[in-house]
Amino acid sequence: MASAKGDLPADFLATALPKGVVDVLKQGEGGAVFTSSRGNQSSWVRPDNALSVYTFHLIEALKGAANQSGDRLVTLGNVMTHLGKTVAQSARSLRQAEQTPFFDTATEDFPVAMLRGGKGLPSQPQSGNLPRVITNEEVVTPALAMARRSLAILEEQAAGFGKLQMPAHLRIELEEKRLEVANLEARLKDAHD
């Protein structure tokens, strides 16, 4: 069994990302590029061979391992914090090796997952008080920000085509995204009224 990404079968070739791929991936807004290790390091597999060290801790992070009680959303920052601490520790303790995740972001912190379907992590018991219910605004605001970013990307793609030359699938995606943004804006307006 493989213990690192370098221990590949004979018909596989270990390669680094081609030059400039990270730069291409982070073009535009709202992007984040994560890699499991730096280019000169191996990316280690856990001793049970079920998951890599990185994937194991990524799943933990998405489940709220770096969050505080009462949190309802996992943010990009929560994920980076958890991976930055745990991957290196696990690689050292499980494989006696160095593995440092790499993060390159071109955005502000934003939600990437909802904890327990939006119910959030259990809060510390507070003298019988009922838990706070997440507001419509807390859900809609990040969703609207992401929809607007997606719409901007689609509009940028569409600008490269003339009205008649734009592919049908792009026209459809653009219209659907405009409708999604309008619906979310209406929900947010209703939440303020």
Protein backbone atom coordinates (compact mmCIF):
# COMPACT_ATOMS: atom_id res chain seq x y z
CA MET A 1 0.00 0.00 0.00
CA ALA A 2 1.10 3.55 -0.66
CA SER A 3 2.17 5.73 2.23
CA ALA A 4 2.70 8.91 0.20
CA LYS A 5 1.72 10.35 -3.16
CA GLY A 6 5.24 9.45 -4.34
CA ASP A 7 4.59 5.71 -3.79
CA LEU A 8 2.57 5.26 -6.97
CA PRO A 9 2.05 2.15 -9.10
CA ALA A 10 4.48 1.70 -12.00
CA ASP A 11 2.00 3.00 -14.60
CA PHE A 12 1.48 6.29 -12.72
CA LEU A 13 3.79 9.28 -12.86
CA ALA A 14 4.12 11.72 -9.94
CA THR A 15 4.15 15.27 -11.26
CA ALA A 16 4.01 18.73 -9.81
CA LEU A 17 1.44 21.23 -10.99
CA PRO A 18 2.56 22.83 -14.26
CA LYS A 19 3.94 26.34 -13.90
CA GLY A 20 1.23 28.95 -13.75
CA VAL A 21 -1.68 26.61 -12.88
CA VAL A 22 -2.16 28.18 -9.44
CA ASP A 23 -2.12 31.64 -11.05
CA VAL A 24 -4.80 30.57 -13.53
CA LEU A 25 -6.92 28.97 -10.80
CA LYS A 26 -6.90 32.11 -8.66
CA GLN A 27 -7.91 34.49 -11.44
CA GLY A 28 -11.09 36.43 -10.81
CA GLU A 29 -12.70 36.92 -7.44
CA GLY A 30 -13.77 34.59 -4.69
CA GLY A 31 -11.17 31.93 -5.32
CA ALA A 32 -9.00 29.88 -3.02
CA VAL A 33 -6.42 27.28 -4.02
CA PHE A 34 -5.47 24.63 -1.45
CA THR A 35 -2.81 21.97 -1.92
CA SER A 36 -2.13 19.15 0.50
CA SER A 37 1.60 19.86 0.69
CA ARG A 38 4.29 22.13 -0.65
CA GLY A 39 5.81 21.11 -3.98
CA ASN A 40 8.94 19.55 -2.50
CA GLN A 41 7.04 17.49 0.11
CA SER A 42 5.12 14.24 -0.02
CA SER A 43 1.41 14.11 0.73
CA TRP A 44 1.04 11.27 3.21
CA VAL A 45 -1.61 8.56 3.50
CA ARG A 46 -2.84 7.57 6.97
CA PRO A 47 -1.66 4.16 8.28
CA ASP A 48 -5.17 2.67 7.84
CA ASN A 49 -4.91 3.55 4.09
CA ALA A 50 -8.50 4.86 4.17
CA LEU A 51 -7.69 8.53 3.52
CA SER A 52 -4.74 10.83 3.12
CA VAL A 53 -3.70 12.85 6.17
CA TYR A 54 -4.87 16.01 4.40
CA THR A 55 -8.28 14.62 3.36
CA PHE A 56 -8.94 13.30 6.87
CA HIS A 57 -8.34 16.74 8.39
CA LEU A 58 -10.21 18.55 5.59
CA ILE A 59 -13.31 16.50 6.43
CA GLU A 60 -12.82 17.30 10.13
CA ALA A 61 -12.61 21.01 9.30
CA LEU A 62 -15.77 20.92 7.17
CA LYS A 63 -17.55 19.27 10.12
CA GLY A 64 -16.55 22.18 12.38
CA ALA A 65 -13.38 20.99 14.13
CA ALA A 66 -11.98 24.55 14.20
CA ASN A 67 -15.29 26.20 15.09
CA GLN A 68 -16.59 27.44 18.44
CA SER A 69 -19.74 26.24 20.16
CA GLY A 70 -22.77 27.98 18.70
CA ASP A 71 -21.15 28.55 15.28
CA ARG A 72 -23.43 27.70 12.37
CA LEU A 73 -21.06 28.19 9.44
CA VAL A 74 -17.61 26.89 8.56
CA THR A 75 -15.58 29.61 6.88
CA LEU A 76 -12.56 29.42 4.61
CA GLY A 77 -10.52 30.74 7.54
CA ASN A 78 -11.75 27.92 9.82
CA VAL A 79 -10.64 25.35 7.25
CA MET A 80 -7.20 26.94 6.74
CA THR A 81 -6.63 27.23 10.51
CA HIS A 82 -7.51 23.59 11.14
CA LEU A 83 -5.50 22.21 8.21
CA GLY A 84 -2.50 24.40 9.03
CA LYS A 85 -2.31 22.97 12.55
CA THR A 86 -3.38 19.36 12.19
CA VAL A 87 -1.87 18.18 8.89
CA ALA A 88 1.69 19.03 9.93
CA GLN A 89 1.18 17.47 13.39
CA SER A 90 -0.30 14.26 11.96
CA ALA A 91 2.40 13.86 9.31
CA ARG A 92 5.06 14.21 12.02
CA SER A 93 3.40 11.81 14.47
CA LEU A 94 2.10 9.20 11.96
CA ARG A 95 4.85 9.28 9.31
CA GLN A 96 7.78 11.12 10.95
CA ALA A 97 7.74 13.44 7.96
CA GLU A 98 7.03 17.05 7.06
CA GLN A 99 3.81 17.96 5.26
CA THR A 100 2.72 21.59 5.17
CA PRO A 101 -0.53 22.48 3.37
CA PHE A 102 -0.38 25.48 1.04
CA PHE A 103 -3.18 28.05 0.73
CA ASP A 104 -3.44 30.84 -1.82
CA THR A 105 -6.54 33.00 -1.60
CA ALA A 106 -7.74 35.97 -3.59
CA THR A 107 -10.80 36.72 -1.50
CA GLU A 108 -12.15 37.69 1.87
CA ASP A 109 -13.19 34.99 4.33
CA PHE A 110 -16.49 33.39 3.31
CA PRO A 111 -18.66 30.43 4.40
CA VAL A 112 -17.92 27.08 2.77
CA ALA A 113 -20.22 24.78 4.79
CA MET A 114 -23.15 24.84 7.18
CA LEU A 115 -22.69 23.00 10.45
CA ARG A 116 -25.22 20.25 11.12
CA GLY A 117 -27.48 21.44 8.30
CA GLY A 118 -27.47 25.01 9.61
CA LYS A 119 -28.32 24.01 13.18
CA GLY A 120 -24.77 24.80 14.20
CA LEU A 121 -22.56 23.30 16.83
CA PRO A 122 -24.24 22.75 20.18
CA SER A 123 -23.94 25.78 22.42
CA GLN A 124 -22.87 25.55 26.02
CA PRO A 125 -26.00 25.14 28.16
CA GLN A 126 -27.07 28.58 29.34
CA SER A 127 -29.58 28.28 32.17
CA GLY A 128 -32.37 26.76 30.09
CA ASN A 129 -32.34 29.39 27.33
CA LEU A 130 -33.55 28.20 23.96
CA PRO A 131 -30.90 28.14 21.25
CA ARG A 132 -30.78 31.10 18.91
CA VAL A 133 -32.43 30.47 15.55
CA ILE A 134 -30.35 31.47 12.54
CA THR A 135 -31.92 34.35 10.69
CA ASN A 136 -32.84 34.42 7.03
CA GLU A 137 -30.35 37.28 6.60
CA GLU A 138 -27.48 35.17 8.00
CA VAL A 139 -28.16 32.50 5.38
CA VAL A 140 -29.03 34.73 2.43
CA THR A 141 -26.19 37.28 2.75
CA PRO A 142 -23.30 34.82 2.08
CA ALA A 143 -25.36 33.00 -0.56
CA LEU A 144 -26.04 36.31 -2.33
CA ALA A 145 -22.35 37.26 -2.22
CA MET A 146 -21.37 33.94 -3.83
CA ALA A 147 -24.15 34.22 -6.44
CA ARG A 148 -23.01 37.74 -7.34
CA ARG A 149 -19.41 36.53 -7.73
CA SER A 150 -20.60 33.69 -9.98
CA LEU A 151 -22.72 36.11 -12.02
CA ALA A 152 -19.73 38.45 -12.47
CA ILE A 153 -17.64 35.54 -13.77
CA LEU A 154 -20.39 34.47 -16.19
CA GLU A 155 -20.87 38.06 -17.40
CA GLU A 156 -17.12 38.33 -17.98
CA GLN A 157 -17.22 35.13 -20.05
CA ALA A 158 -20.26 36.35 -21.97
CA ALA A 159 -18.58 39.69 -22.75
CA GLY A 160 -16.08 37.80 -24.89
CA PHE A 161 -18.86 36.77 -27.27
CA GLY A 162 -21.18 38.85 -29.39
CA LYS A 163 -24.93 38.58 -28.67
CA LEU A 164 -25.46 36.17 -31.55
CA GLN A 165 -22.26 34.18 -31.06
CA MET A 166 -22.72 33.42 -27.34
CA PRO A 167 -23.15 29.66 -26.79
CA ALA A 168 -26.66 28.66 -25.76
CA HIS A 169 -25.51 26.99 -22.53
CA LEU A 170 -23.77 30.21 -21.45
CA ARG A 171 -26.90 32.27 -22.21
CA ILE A 172 -28.97 29.84 -20.11
CA GLU A 173 -26.48 29.82 -17.21
CA LEU A 174 -26.31 33.62 -17.29
CA GLU A 175 -30.09 33.97 -17.18
CA GLU A 176 -30.43 31.40 -14.39
CA LYS A 177 -27.73 33.14 -12.33
CA ARG A 178 -29.38 36.56 -12.84
CA LEU A 179 -32.67 35.06 -11.63
CA GLU A 180 -30.93 33.50 -8.60
CA VAL A 181 -29.35 36.85 -7.68
CA ALA A 182 -32.69 38.64 -8.07
CA ASN A 183 -34.47 36.07 -5.88
CA LEU A 184 -31.79 36.28 -3.17
CA GLU A 185 -31.89 40.09 -3.28
CA ALA A 186 -35.67 39.95 -2.83
CA ARG A 187 -35.32 37.55 0.13
CA LEU A 188 -32.75 39.83 1.72
CA LYS A 189 -34.98 42.87 1.18
CA ASP A 190 -37.90 41.00 2.78
CA ALA A 191 -35.66 40.14 5.75
CA HIS A 192 -34.93 43.87 6.26
CA ASP A 193 -38.61 44.90 6.00
